[in-house]
Amino acid sequence: PGTRADMHELILRLWRETSMTVFMVTHDIKEGFALGTRVLVF
């Protein structure tokens, strides 16, 4: 959990700095809502 929180912070920072488009698959719904600006449910 601790490392995961650090990685969340890292990936959001890099996403902001590069302005790239990101698609992230996750089984963790909480993670999806925490990181995504848009959530797709399959």
Full PDB file with SEQRES, HELIX, SHEET, SSBOND, CRYST1, ORIGX, SCALE, CONECT and MASTER records, all heavy atoms in Angstrom:
SEQRES   1 A   42  PRO GLY THR ARG ALA ASP MET HIS GLU LEU ILE LEU ARG          
SEQRES   2 A   42  LEU TRP ARG GLU THR SER MET THR VAL PHE MET VAL THR          
SEQRES   3 A   42  HIS ASP ILE LYS GLU GLY PHE ALA LEU GLY THR ARG VAL          
SEQRES   4 A   42  LEU VAL PHE                                                  
HELIX    1 AA1 GLY A    2  THR A   18  1                                  17    
HELIX    2 AA2 ILE A   29  LEU A   35  1                                   7    
CRYST1    1.000    1.000    1.000  90.00  90.00  90.00 P 1           1          
ORIGX1      1.000000  0.000000  0.000000        0.00000                         
ORIGX2      0.000000  1.000000  0.000000        0.00000                         
ORIGX3      0.000000  0.000000  1.000000        0.00000                         
SCALE1      1.000000  0.000000  0.000000        0.00000                         
SCALE2      0.000000  1.000000  0.000000        0.00000                         
SCALE3      0.000000  0.000000  1.000000        0.00000                         
ATOM      1  N   PRO A   1       0.799  -1.239   0.000  1.00  0.00           N  
ATOM      2  CA  PRO A   1       0.000   0.000   0.000  1.00  0.00           C  
ATOM      3  C   PRO A   1       0.826   1.280   0.000  1.00  0.00           C  
ATOM      4  O   PRO A   1       0.480   2.238  -0.702  1.00  0.00           O  
ATOM      5  CB  PRO A   1      -0.843  -0.130   1.275  1.00  0.00           C  
ATOM      6  CG  PRO A   1      -0.972  -1.602   1.496  1.00  0.00           C  
ATOM      7  CD  PRO A   1       0.329  -2.189   1.037  1.00  0.00           C  
ATOM      8  N   GLY A   2       1.907   1.317   0.773  1.00  0.00           N  
ATOM      9  CA  GLY A   2       2.718   2.526   0.833  1.00  0.00           C  
ATOM     10  C   GLY A   2       3.387   2.825  -0.500  1.00  0.00           C  
ATOM     11  O   GLY A   2       3.356   3.971  -0.982  1.00  0.00           O  
ATOM     12  N   THR A   3       3.979   1.799  -1.100  1.00  0.00           N  
ATOM     13  CA  THR A   3       4.625   1.971  -2.399  1.00  0.00           C  
ATOM     14  C   THR A   3       3.591   2.322  -3.461  1.00  0.00           C  
ATOM     15  O   THR A   3       3.835   3.135  -4.354  1.00  0.00           O  
ATOM     16  CB  THR A   3       5.373   0.691  -2.793  1.00  0.00           C  
ATOM     17  OG1 THR A   3       6.316   0.359  -1.770  1.00  0.00           O  
ATOM     18  CG2 THR A   3       6.096   0.859  -4.111  1.00  0.00           C  
ATOM     19  N   ARG A   4       2.429   1.712  -3.351  1.00  0.00           N  
ATOM     20  CA  ARG A   4       1.356   1.975  -4.326  1.00  0.00           C  
ATOM     21  C   ARG A   4       0.941   3.446  -4.283  1.00  0.00           C  
ATOM     22  O   ARG A   4       0.745   4.073  -5.326  1.00  0.00           O  
ATOM     23  CB  ARG A   4       0.172   1.077  -4.004  1.00  0.00           C  
ATOM     24  CG  ARG A   4      -0.864   0.983  -5.095  1.00  0.00           C  
ATOM     25  CD  ARG A   4      -1.824  -0.149  -4.799  1.00  0.00           C  
ATOM     26  NE  ARG A   4      -2.774  -0.349  -5.859  1.00  0.00           N  
ATOM     27  CZ  ARG A   4      -3.557  -1.402  -5.967  1.00  0.00           C  
ATOM     28  NH1 ARG A   4      -3.487  -2.365  -5.070  1.00  0.00           N  
ATOM     29  NH2 ARG A   4      -4.400  -1.515  -6.978  1.00  0.00           N  
ATOM     30  N   ALA A   5       0.836   4.014  -3.082  1.00  0.00           N  
ATOM     31  CA  ALA A   5       0.477   5.425  -2.959  1.00  0.00           C  
ATOM     32  C   ALA A   5       1.551   6.309  -3.591  1.00  0.00           C  
ATOM     33  O   ALA A   5       1.240   7.307  -4.254  1.00  0.00           O  
ATOM     34  CB  ALA A   5       0.290   5.785  -1.483  1.00  0.00           C  
ATOM     35  N   ASP A   6       2.823   5.950  -3.398  1.00  0.00           N  
ATOM     36  CA  ASP A   6       3.907   6.709  -4.022  1.00  0.00           C  
ATOM     37  C   ASP A   6       3.820   6.642  -5.545  1.00  0.00           C  
ATOM     38  O   ASP A   6       4.061   7.628  -6.241  1.00  0.00           O  
ATOM     39  CB  ASP A   6       5.270   6.173  -3.561  1.00  0.00           C  
ATOM     40  CG  ASP A   6       5.548   6.459  -2.098  1.00  0.00           C  
ATOM     41  OD1 ASP A   6       4.897   7.360  -1.528  1.00  0.00           O  
ATOM     42  OD2 ASP A   6       6.418   5.783  -1.522  1.00  0.00           O  
ATOM     43  N   MET A   7       3.475   5.457  -6.064  1.00  0.00           N  
ATOM     44  CA  MET A   7       3.371   5.287  -7.512  1.00  0.00           C  
ATOM     45  C   MET A   7       2.195   6.072  -8.088  1.00  0.00           C  
ATOM     46  O   MET A   7       2.260   6.592  -9.197  1.00  0.00           O  
ATOM     47  CB  MET A   7       3.244   3.808  -7.860  1.00  0.00           C  
ATOM     48  CG  MET A   7       4.471   2.983  -7.518  1.00  0.00           C  
ATOM     49  SD  MET A   7       5.942   3.506  -8.419  1.00  0.00           S  
ATOM     50  CE  MET A   7       5.498   3.060 -10.084  1.00  0.00           C  
ATOM     51  N   HIS A   8       1.103   6.151  -7.320  1.00  0.00           N  
ATOM     52  CA  HIS A   8      -0.028   6.971  -7.754  1.00  0.00           C  
ATOM     53  C   HIS A   8       0.415   8.422  -7.928  1.00  0.00           C  
ATOM     54  O   HIS A   8       0.090   9.068  -8.941  1.00  0.00           O  
ATOM     55  CB  HIS A   8      -1.154   6.900  -6.726  1.00  0.00           C  
ATOM     56  CG  HIS A   8      -1.883   5.600  -6.717  1.00  0.00           C  
ATOM     57  ND1 HIS A   8      -2.876   5.316  -5.806  1.00  0.00           N  
ATOM     58  CD2 HIS A   8      -1.761   4.495  -7.490  1.00  0.00           C  
ATOM     59  CE1 HIS A   8      -3.334   4.096  -6.031  1.00  0.00           C  
ATOM     60  NE2 HIS A   8      -2.674   3.587  -7.046  1.00  0.00           N  
ATOM     61  N   GLU A   9       1.147   8.926  -6.948  1.00  0.00           N  
ATOM     62  CA  GLU A   9       1.616  10.313  -7.010  1.00  0.00           C  
ATOM     63  C   GLU A   9       2.554  10.513  -8.199  1.00  0.00           C  
ATOM     64  O   GLU A   9       2.465  11.513  -8.923  1.00  0.00           O  
ATOM     65  CB  GLU A   9       2.329  10.665  -5.706  1.00  0.00           C  
ATOM     66  CG  GLU A   9       2.807  12.107  -5.627  1.00  0.00           C  
ATOM     67  CD  GLU A   9       3.471  12.416  -4.294  1.00  0.00           C  
ATOM     68  OE1 GLU A   9       3.308  11.636  -3.342  1.00  0.00           O  
ATOM     69  OE2 GLU A   9       4.162  13.455  -4.226  1.00  0.00           O  
ATOM     70  N   LEU A  10       3.430   9.534  -8.425  1.00  0.00           N  
ATOM     71  CA  LEU A  10       4.376   9.633  -9.536  1.00  0.00           C  
ATOM     72  C   LEU A  10       3.658   9.653 -10.881  1.00  0.00           C  
ATOM     73  O   LEU A  10       3.930  10.515 -11.733  1.00  0.00           O  
ATOM     74  CB  LEU A  10       5.356   8.456  -9.485  1.00  0.00           C  
ATOM     75  CG  LEU A  10       6.251   8.290 -10.714  1.00  0.00           C  
ATOM     76  CD1 LEU A  10       7.259   9.428 -10.805  1.00  0.00           C  
ATOM     77  CD2 LEU A  10       6.962   6.936 -10.688  1.00  0.00           C  
ATOM     78  N   ILE A  11       2.742   8.710 -11.102  1.00  0.00           N  
ATOM     79  CA  ILE A  11       2.121   8.609 -12.417  1.00  0.00           C  
ATOM     80  C   ILE A  11       1.251   9.828 -12.712  1.00  0.00           C  
ATOM     81  O   ILE A  11       1.184  10.307 -13.855  1.00  0.00           O  
ATOM     82  CB  ILE A  11       1.318   7.289 -12.565  1.00  0.00           C  
ATOM     83  CG1 ILE A  11       1.119   6.946 -14.046  1.00  0.00           C  
ATOM     84  CG2 ILE A  11      -0.013   7.359 -11.841  1.00  0.00           C  
ATOM     85  CD1 ILE A  11       2.385   6.628 -14.778  1.00  0.00           C  
ATOM     86  N   LEU A  12       0.602  10.401 -11.681  1.00  0.00           N  
ATOM     87  CA  LEU A  12      -0.184  11.613 -11.893  1.00  0.00           C  
ATOM     88  C   LEU A  12       0.725  12.788 -12.241  1.00  0.00           C  
ATOM     89  O   LEU A  12       0.394  13.604 -13.109  1.00  0.00           O  
ATOM     90  CB  LEU A  12      -1.009  11.934 -10.644  1.00  0.00           C  
ATOM     91  CG  LEU A  12      -2.232  11.049 -10.403  1.00  0.00           C  
ATOM     92  CD1 LEU A  12      -2.899  11.417  -9.079  1.00  0.00           C  
ATOM     93  CD2 LEU A  12      -3.231  11.158 -11.546  1.00  0.00           C  
ATOM     94  N   ARG A  13       1.875  12.884 -11.577  1.00  0.00           N  
ATOM     95  CA  ARG A  13       2.800  13.975 -11.891  1.00  0.00           C  
ATOM     96  C   ARG A  13       3.312  13.871 -13.324  1.00  0.00           C  
ATOM     97  O   ARG A  13       3.316  14.859 -14.066  1.00  0.00           O  
ATOM     98  CB  ARG A  13       3.979  13.963 -10.907  1.00  0.00           C  
ATOM     99  CG  ARG A  13       5.035  15.033 -11.223  1.00  0.00           C  
ATOM    100  CD  ARG A  13       6.088  15.119 -10.155  1.00  0.00           C  
ATOM    101  NE  ARG A  13       6.841  13.884 -10.015  1.00  0.00           N  
ATOM    102  CZ  ARG A  13       7.847  13.531 -10.817  1.00  0.00           C  
ATOM    103  NH1 ARG A  13       8.198  14.295 -11.833  1.00  0.00           N  
ATOM    104  NH2 ARG A  13       8.499  12.406 -10.604  1.00  0.00           N  
ATOM    105  N   LEU A  14       3.721  12.676 -13.726  1.00  0.00           N  
ATOM    106  CA  LEU A  14       4.234  12.502 -15.082  1.00  0.00           C  
ATOM    107  C   LEU A  14       3.142  12.726 -16.125  1.00  0.00           C  
ATOM    108  O   LEU A  14       3.392  13.292 -17.199  1.00  0.00           O  
ATOM    109  CB  LEU A  14       4.834  11.100 -15.235  1.00  0.00           C  
ATOM    110  CG  LEU A  14       6.081  10.818 -14.390  1.00  0.00           C  
ATOM    111  CD1 LEU A  14       6.497   9.373 -14.540  1.00  0.00           C  
ATOM    112  CD2 LEU A  14       7.220  11.753 -14.753  1.00  0.00           C  
ATOM    113  N   TRP A  15       1.918  12.304 -15.813  1.00  0.00           N  
ATOM    114  CA  TRP A  15       0.795  12.533 -16.736  1.00  0.00           C  
ATOM    115  C   TRP A  15       0.554  14.027 -16.925  1.00  0.00           C  
ATOM    116  O   TRP A  15       0.357  14.500 -18.052  1.00  0.00           O  
ATOM    117  CB  TRP A  15      -0.454  11.846 -16.189  1.00  0.00           C  
ATOM    118  CG  TRP A  15      -1.733  12.251 -16.844  1.00  0.00           C  
ATOM    119  CD1 TRP A  15      -2.133  11.996 -18.117  1.00  0.00           C  
ATOM    120  CD2 TRP A  15      -2.796  13.009 -16.242  1.00  0.00           C  
ATOM    121  NE1 TRP A  15      -3.378  12.530 -18.347  1.00  0.00           N  
ATOM    122  CE2 TRP A  15      -3.807  13.151 -17.217  1.00  0.00           C  
ATOM    123  CE3 TRP A  15      -2.983  13.557 -14.981  1.00  0.00           C  
ATOM    124  CZ2 TRP A  15      -4.988  13.847 -16.955  1.00  0.00           C  
ATOM    125  CZ3 TRP A  15      -4.164  14.240 -14.716  1.00  0.00           C  
ATOM    126  CH2 TRP A  15      -5.149  14.379 -15.711  1.00  0.00           C  
ATOM    127  N   ARG A  16       0.598  14.792 -15.827  1.00  0.00           N  
ATOM    128  CA  ARG A  16       0.401  16.236 -15.945  1.00  0.00           C  
ATOM    129  C   ARG A  16       1.523  16.879 -16.753  1.00  0.00           C  
ATOM    130  O   ARG A  16       1.287  17.766 -17.578  1.00  0.00           O  
ATOM    131  CB  ARG A  16       0.330  16.875 -14.549  1.00  0.00           C  
ATOM    132  CG  ARG A  16      -0.971  16.632 -13.803  1.00  0.00           C  
ATOM    133  CD  ARG A  16      -1.081  17.533 -12.588  1.00  0.00           C  
ATOM    134  NE  ARG A  16      -0.066  17.222 -11.597  1.00  0.00           N  
ATOM    135  CZ  ARG A  16      -0.267  16.503 -10.490  1.00  0.00           C  
ATOM    136  NH1 ARG A  16      -1.479  16.019 -10.250  1.00  0.00           N  
ATOM    137  NH2 ARG A  16       0.698  16.278  -9.640  1.00  0.00           N  
ATOM    138  N   GLU A  17       2.750  16.442 -16.519  1.00  0.00           N  
ATOM    139  CA  GLU A  17       3.899  17.077 -17.166  1.00  0.00           C  
ATOM    140  C   GLU A  17       3.974  16.768 -18.661  1.00  0.00           C  
ATOM    141  O   GLU A  17       4.428  17.604 -19.440  1.00  0.00           O  
ATOM    142  CB  GLU A  17       5.196  16.637 -16.474  1.00  0.00           C  
ATOM    143  CG  GLU A  17       5.346  17.202 -15.074  1.00  0.00           C  
ATOM    144  CD  GLU A  17       6.586  16.687 -14.367  1.00  0.00           C  
ATOM    145  OE1 GLU A  17       7.257  15.776 -14.904  1.00  0.00           O  
ATOM    146  OE2 GLU A  17       6.897  17.194 -13.279  1.00  0.00           O  
ATOM    147  N   THR A  18       3.543  15.581 -19.053  1.00  0.00           N  
ATOM    148  CA  THR A  18       3.673  15.181 -20.458  1.00  0.00           C  
ATOM    149  C   THR A  18       2.413  15.426 -21.276  1.00  0.00           C  
ATOM    150  O   THR A  18       2.475  15.437 -22.508  1.00  0.00           O  
ATOM    151  CB  THR A  18       4.021  13.689 -20.557  1.00  0.00           C  
ATOM    152  OG1 THR A  18       2.986  12.917 -19.918  1.00  0.00           O  
ATOM    153  CG2 THR A  18       5.351  13.385 -19.883  1.00  0.00           C  
ATOM    154  N   SER A  19       1.261  15.598 -20.626  1.00  0.00           N  
ATOM    155  CA  SER A  19      -0.026  15.809 -21.294  1.00  0.00           C  
ATOM    156  C   SER A  19      -0.418  14.654 -22.214  1.00  0.00           C  
ATOM    157  O   SER A  19      -1.176  14.840 -23.169  1.00  0.00           O  
ATOM    158  CB  SER A  19      -0.010  17.122 -22.107  1.00  0.00           C  
ATOM    159  OG  SER A  19       0.226  18.223 -21.261  1.00  0.00           O  
ATOM    160  N   MET A  20       0.112  13.453 -21.947  1.00  0.00           N  
ATOM    161  CA  MET A  20      -0.244  12.302 -22.774  1.00  0.00           C  
ATOM    162  C   MET A  20      -1.613  11.756 -22.352  1.00  0.00           C  
ATOM    163  O   MET A  20      -2.142  12.095 -21.298  1.00  0.00           O  
ATOM    164  CB  MET A  20       0.814  11.211 -22.644  1.00  0.00           C  
ATOM    165  CG  MET A  20       0.956  10.663 -21.263  1.00  0.00           C  
ATOM    166  SD  MET A  20       2.379   9.570 -21.113  1.00  0.00           S  
ATOM    167  CE  MET A  20       2.601   9.591 -19.329  1.00  0.00           C  
ATOM    168  N   THR A  21      -2.163  10.909 -23.192  1.00  0.00           N  
ATOM    169  CA  THR A  21      -3.412  10.226 -22.886  1.00  0.00           C  
ATOM    170  C   THR A  21      -3.081   8.895 -22.222  1.00  0.00           C  
ATOM    171  O   THR A  21      -2.210   8.168 -22.693  1.00  0.00           O  
ATOM    172  CB  THR A  21      -4.218   9.989 -24.176  1.00  0.00           C  
ATOM    173  OG1 THR A  21      -4.376  11.235 -24.855  1.00  0.00           O  
ATOM    174  CG2 THR A  21      -5.583   9.402 -23.860  1.00  0.00           C  
ATOM    175  N   VAL A  22      -3.771   8.587 -21.135  1.00  0.00           N  
ATOM    176  CA  VAL A  22      -3.483   7.378 -20.360  1.00  0.00           C  
ATOM    177  C   VAL A  22      -4.726   6.500 -20.293  1.00  0.00           C  
ATOM    178  O   VAL A  22      -5.834   6.987 -20.041  1.00  0.00           O  
ATOM    179  CB  VAL A  22      -3.021   7.724 -18.924  1.00  0.00           C  
ATOM    180  CG1 VAL A  22      -2.794   6.452 -18.110  1.00  0.00           C  
ATOM    181  CG2 VAL A  22      -1.753   8.569 -18.956  1.00  0.00           C  
ATOM    182  N   PHE A  23      -4.537   5.197 -20.540  1.00  0.00           N  
ATOM    183  CA  PHE A  23      -5.561   4.184 -20.288  1.00  0.00           C  
ATOM    184  C   PHE A  23      -4.998   3.234 -19.235  1.00  0.00           C  
ATOM    185  O   PHE A  23      -3.943   2.634 -19.444  1.00  0.00           O  
ATOM    186  CB  PHE A  23      -5.884   3.384 -21.555  1.00  0.00           C  
ATOM    187  CG  PHE A  23      -6.757   4.097 -22.538  1.00  0.00           C  
ATOM    188  CD1 PHE A  23      -6.212   5.020 -23.416  1.00  0.00           C  
ATOM    189  CD2 PHE A  23      -8.118   3.843 -22.600  1.00  0.00           C  
ATOM    190  CE1 PHE A  23      -7.006   5.681 -24.330  1.00  0.00           C  
ATOM    191  CE2 PHE A  23      -8.923   4.492 -23.514  1.00  0.00           C  
ATOM    192  CZ  PHE A  23      -8.363   5.423 -24.389  1.00  0.00           C  
ATOM    193  N   MET A  24      -5.695   3.088 -18.117  1.00  0.00           N  
ATOM    194  CA  MET A  24      -5.231   2.222 -17.040  1.00  0.00           C  
ATOM    195  C   MET A  24      -6.289   1.197 -16.676  1.00  0.00           C  
ATOM    196  O   MET A  24      -7.411   1.550 -16.303  1.00  0.00           O  
ATOM    197  CB  MET A  24      -4.882   3.040 -15.792  1.00  0.00           C  
ATOM    198  CG  MET A  24      -4.364   2.181 -14.634  1.00  0.00           C  
ATOM    199  SD  MET A  24      -4.153   3.108 -13.094  1.00  0.00           S  
ATOM    200  CE  MET A  24      -5.880   3.375 -12.634  1.00  0.00           C  
ATOM    201  N   VAL A  25      -5.950  -0.085 -16.795  1.00  0.00           N  
ATOM    202  CA  VAL A  25      -6.821  -1.163 -16.335  1.00  0.00           C  
ATOM    203  C   VAL A  25      -6.516  -1.433 -14.867  1.00  0.00           C  
ATOM    204  O   VAL A  25      -5.348  -1.545 -14.469  1.00  0.00           O  
ATOM    205  CB  VAL A  25      -6.596  -2.445 -17.158  1.00  0.00           C  
ATOM    206  CG1 VAL A  25      -7.248  -3.645 -16.488  1.00  0.00           C  
ATOM    207  CG2 VAL A  25      -7.148  -2.267 -18.565  1.00  0.00           C  
ATOM    208  N   THR A  26      -7.551  -1.533 -14.048  1.00  0.00           N  
ATOM    209  CA  THR A  26      -7.362  -1.852 -12.643  1.00  0.00           C  
ATOM    210  C   THR A  26      -8.554  -2.656 -12.129  1.00  0.00           C  
ATOM    211  O   THR A  26      -9.692  -2.457 -12.570  1.00  0.00           O  
ATOM    212  CB  THR A  26      -7.183  -0.577 -11.796  1.00  0.00           C  
ATOM    213  OG1 THR A  26      -7.060  -0.938 -10.411  1.00  0.00           O  
ATOM    214  CG2 THR A  26      -8.367   0.381 -11.952  1.00  0.00           C  
ATOM    215  N   HIS A  27      -8.269  -3.590 -11.207  1.00  0.00           N  
ATOM    216  CA  HIS A  27      -9.348  -4.294 -10.515  1.00  0.00           C  
ATOM    217  C   HIS A  27      -9.817  -3.506  -9.287  1.00  0.00           C  
ATOM    218  O   HIS A  27     -10.818  -3.866  -8.669  1.00  0.00           O  
ATOM    219  CB  HIS A  27      -8.889  -5.685 -10.078  1.00  0.00           C  
ATOM    220  CG  HIS A  27      -8.894  -6.685 -11.192  1.00  0.00           C  
ATOM    221  ND1 HIS A  27      -7.787  -6.939 -11.973  1.00  0.00           N  
ATOM    222  CD2 HIS A  27      -9.883  -7.472 -11.687  1.00  0.00           C  
ATOM    223  CE1 HIS A  27      -8.095  -7.859 -12.880  1.00  0.00           C  
ATOM    224  NE2 HIS A  27      -9.355  -8.188 -12.735  1.00  0.00           N  
ATOM    225  N   ASP A  28      -9.069  -2.481  -8.927  1.00  0.00           N  
ATOM    226  CA  ASP A  28      -9.350  -1.703  -7.729  1.00  0.00           C  
ATOM    227  C   ASP A  28     -10.201  -0.488  -8.119  1.00  0.00           C  
ATOM    228  O   ASP A  28      -9.691   0.494  -8.672  1.00  0.00           O  
ATOM    229  CB  ASP A  28      -8.037  -1.264  -7.085  1.00  0.00           C  
ATOM    230  CG  ASP A  28      -8.227  -0.568  -5.736  1.00  0.00           C  
ATOM    231  OD1 ASP A  28      -9.322  -0.031  -5.494  1.00  0.00           O  
ATOM    232  OD2 ASP A  28      -7.268  -0.574  -4.938  1.00  0.00           O  
ATOM    233  N   ILE A  29     -11.500  -0.570  -7.847  1.00  0.00           N  
ATOM    234  CA  ILE A  29     -12.404   0.520  -8.238  1.00  0.00           C  
ATOM    235  C   ILE A  29     -12.006   1.827  -7.565  1.00  0.00           C  
ATOM    236  O   ILE A  29     -12.037   2.897  -8.187  1.00  0.00           O  
ATOM    237  CB  ILE A  29     -13.865   0.155  -7.897  1.00  0.00           C  
ATOM    238  CG1 ILE A  29     -14.313  -1.033  -8.759  1.00  0.00           C  
ATOM    239  CG2 ILE A  29     -14.791   1.348  -8.134  1.00  0.00           C  
ATOM    240  CD1 ILE A  29     -15.716  -1.511  -8.474  1.00  0.00           C  
ATOM    241  N   LYS A  30     -11.586   1.755  -6.296  1.00  0.00           N  
ATOM    242  CA  LYS A  30     -11.166   2.964  -5.582  1.00  0.00           C  
ATOM    243  C   LYS A  30      -9.984   3.614  -6.289  1.00  0.00           C  
ATOM    244  O   LYS A  30      -9.924   4.838  -6.432  1.00  0.00           O  
ATOM    245  CB  LYS A  30     -10.798   2.609  -4.140  1.00  0.00           C  
ATOM    246  CG  LYS A  30     -10.419   3.801  -3.288  1.00  0.00           C  
ATOM    247  CD  LYS A  30     -10.114   3.374  -1.862  1.00  0.00           C  
ATOM    248  CE  LYS A  30      -9.702   4.571  -1.018  1.00  0.00           C  
ATOM    249  NZ  LYS A  30      -9.376   4.157   0.379  1.00  0.00           N  
ATOM    250  N   GLU A  31      -9.036   2.798  -6.750  1.00  0.00           N  
ATOM    251  CA  GLU A  31      -7.887   3.324  -7.477  1.00  0.00           C  
ATOM    252  C   GLU A  31      -8.328   3.980  -8.775  1.00  0.00           C  
ATOM    253  O   GLU A  31      -7.830   5.046  -9.149  1.00  0.00           O  
ATOM    254  CB  GLU A  31      -6.902   2.193  -7.763  1.00  0.00           C  
ATOM    255  CG  GLU A  31      -5.662   2.611  -8.539  1.00  0.00           C  
ATOM    256  CD  GLU A  31      -4.701   1.445  -8.729  1.00  0.00           C  
ATOM    257  OE1 GLU A  31      -4.985   0.555  -9.557  1.00  0.00           O  
ATOM    258  OE2 GLU A  31      -3.656   1.440  -8.051  1.00  0.00           O  
ATOM    259  N   GLY A  32      -9.269   3.350  -9.470  1.00  0.00           N  
ATOM    260  CA  GLY A  32      -9.754   3.909 -10.720  1.00  0.00           C  
ATOM    261  C   GLY A  32     -10.361   5.290 -10.534  1.00  0.00           C  
ATOM    262  O   GLY A  32     -10.080   6.213 -11.307  1.00  0.00           O  
ATOM    263  N   PHE A  33     -11.159   5.444  -9.494  1.00  0.00           N  
ATOM    264  CA  PHE A  33     -11.784   6.741  -9.247  1.00  0.00           C  
ATOM    265  C   PHE A  33     -10.787   7.758  -8.700  1.00  0.00           C  
ATOM    266  O   PHE A  33     -10.952   8.964  -8.901  1.00  0.00           O  
ATOM    267  CB  PHE A  33     -12.966   6.579  -8.291  1.00  0.00           C  
ATOM    268  CG  PHE A  33     -14.237   6.169  -8.976  1.00  0.00           C  
ATOM    269  CD1 PHE A  33     -14.518   4.828  -9.190  1.00  0.00           C  
ATOM    270  CD2 PHE A  33     -15.148   7.113  -9.433  1.00  0.00           C  
ATOM    271  CE1 PHE A  33     -15.685   4.429  -9.831  1.00  0.00           C  
ATOM    272  CE2 PHE A  33     -16.315   6.732 -10.082  1.00  0.00           C  
ATOM    273  CZ  PHE A  33     -16.589   5.386 -10.281  1.00  0.00           C  
ATOM    274  N   ALA A  34      -9.756   7.292  -8.007  1.00  0.00           N  
ATOM    275  CA  ALA A  34      -8.760   8.207  -7.460  1.00  0.00           C  
ATOM    276  C   ALA A  34      -7.862   8.788  -8.549  1.00  0.00           C  
ATOM    277  O   ALA A  34      -7.504   9.969  -8.495  1.00  0.00           O  
ATOM    278  CB  ALA A  34      -7.903   7.488  -6.414  1.00  0.00           C  
ATOM    279  N   LEU A  35      -7.521   7.971  -9.548  1.00  0.00           N  
ATOM    280  CA  LEU A  35      -6.576   8.410 -10.566  1.00  0.00           C  
ATOM    281  C   LEU A  35      -7.249   8.928 -11.834  1.00  0.00           C  
ATOM    282  O   LEU A  35      -6.762   9.879 -12.448  1.00  0.00           O  
ATOM    283  CB  LEU A  35      -5.631   7.261 -10.939  1.00  0.00           C  
ATOM    284  CG  LEU A  35      -4.714   6.734  -9.840  1.00  0.00           C  
ATOM    285  CD1 LEU A  35      -3.835   5.610 -10.371  1.00  0.00           C  
ATOM    286  CD2 LEU A  35      -3.861   7.846  -9.258  1.00  0.00           C  
ATOM    287  N   GLY A  36      -8.327   8.314 -12.252  1.00  0.00           N  
ATOM    288  CA  GLY A  36      -8.909   8.644 -13.541  1.00  0.00           C  
ATOM    289  C   GLY A  36      -9.641   9.970 -13.569  1.00  0.00           C  
ATOM    290  O   GLY A  36     -10.254  10.378 -12.581  1.00  0.00           O  
ATOM    291  N   THR A  37      -9.573  10.662 -14.710  1.00  0.00           N  
ATOM    292  CA  THR A  37     -10.475  11.784 -14.966  1.00  0.00           C  
ATOM    293  C   THR A  37     -11.748  11.286 -15.640  1.00  0.00           C  
ATOM    294  O   THR A  37     -12.687  12.038 -15.856  1.00  0.00           O  
ATOM    295  CB  THR A  37      -9.811  12.837 -15.870  1.00  0.00           C  
ATOM    296  OG1 THR A  37      -9.424  12.235 -17.106  1.00  0.00           O  
ATOM    297  CG2 THR A  37      -8.587  13.424 -15.193  1.00  0.00           C  
ATOM    298  N   ARG A  38     -11.731   9.975 -15.968  1.00  0.00           N  
ATOM    299  CA  ARG A  38     -12.879   9.333 -16.593  1.00  0.00           C  
ATOM    300  C   ARG A  38     -12.785   7.846 -16.286  1.00  0.00           C  
ATOM    301  O   ARG A  38     -11.700   7.262 -16.363  1.00  0.00           O  
ATOM    302  CB  ARG A  38     -12.824   9.564 -18.098  1.00  0.00           C  
ATOM    303  CG  ARG A  38     -13.966   8.998 -18.922  1.00  0.00           C  
ATOM    304  CD  ARG A  38     -13.781   9.441 -20.363  1.00  0.00           C  
ATOM    305  NE  ARG A  38     -14.810   8.952 -21.259  1.00  0.00           N  
ATOM    306  CZ  ARG A  38     -14.835   9.229 -22.572  1.00  0.00           C  
ATOM    307  NH1 ARG A  38     -13.877   9.981 -23.110  1.00  0.00           N  
ATOM    308  NH2 ARG A  38     -15.801   8.756 -23.341  1.00  0.00           N  
ATOM    309  N   VAL A  39     -13.892   7.233 -15.911  1.00  0.00           N  
ATOM    310  CA  VAL A  39     -13.911   5.808 -15.565  1.00  0.00           C  
ATOM    311  C   VAL A  39     -14.853   5.077 -16.511  1.00  0.00           C  
ATOM    312  O   VAL A  39     -16.017   5.453 -16.660  1.00  0.00           O  
ATOM    313  CB  VAL A  39     -14.347   5.583 -14.100  1.00  0.00           C  
ATOM    314  CG1 VAL A  39     -14.513   4.090 -13.815  1.00  0.00           C  
ATOM    315  CG2 VAL A  39     -13.334   6.197 -13.135  1.00  0.00           C  
ATOM    316  N   LEU A  40     -14.316   4.038 -17.159  1.00  0.00           N  
ATOM    317  CA  LEU A  40     -15.120   3.160 -18.012  1.00  0.00           C  
ATOM    318  C   LEU A  40     -15.356   1.854 -17.285  1.00  0.00           C  
ATOM    319  O   LEU A  40     -14.408   1.246 -16.768  1.00  0.00           O  
ATOM    320  CB  LEU A  40     -14.412   2.875 -19.330  1.00  0.00           C  
ATOM    321  CG  LEU A  40     -13.973   4.069 -20.175  1.00  0.00           C  
ATOM    322  CD1 LEU A  40     -13.278   3.587 -21.444  1.00  0.00           C  
ATOM    323  CD2 LEU A  40     -15.152   4.971 -20.518  1.00  0.00           C  
ATOM    324  N   VAL A  41     -16.607   1.414 -17.232  1.00  0.00           N  
ATOM    325  CA  VAL A  41     -16.957   0.131 -16.622  1.00  0.00           C  
ATOM    326  C   VAL A  41     -17.290  -0.851 -17.727  1.00  0.00           C  
ATOM    327  O   VAL A  41     -18.198  -0.617 -18.531  1.00  0.00           O  
ATOM    328  CB  VAL A  41     -18.154   0.278 -15.654  1.00  0.00           C  
ATOM    329  CG1 VAL A  41     -18.472  -1.082 -15.016  1.00  0.00           C  
ATOM    330  CG2 VAL A  41     -17.855   1.317 -14.581  1.00  0.00           C  
ATOM    331  N   PHE A  42     -16.531  -1.952 -17.784  1.00  0.00           N  
ATOM    332  CA  PHE A  42     -16.795  -3.014 -18.767  1.00  0.00           C  
ATOM    333  C   PHE A  42     -17.598  -4.126 -18.096  1.00  0.00           C  
ATOM    334  O   PHE A  42     -17.275  -4.553 -16.993  1.00  0.00           O  
ATOM    335  CB  PHE A  42     -15.478  -3.593 -19.297  1.00  0.00           C  
ATOM    336  CG  PHE A  42     -14.876  -2.812 -20.431  1.00  0.00           C  
ATOM    337  CD1 PHE A  42     -14.378  -1.531 -20.226  1.00  0.00           C  
ATOM    338  CD2 PHE A  42     -14.813  -3.349 -21.706  1.00  0.00           C  
ATOM    339  CE1 PHE A  42     -13.824  -0.805 -21.264  1.00  0.00           C  
ATOM    340  CE2 PHE A  42     -14.254  -2.624 -22.763  1.00  0.00           C  
ATOM    341  CZ  PHE A  42     -13.760  -1.348 -22.536  1.00  0.00           C  
TER     342      PHE A  42                                                      
MASTER        0    0    0    2    0    0    0    6  341    1    0    4          
END                                                                             
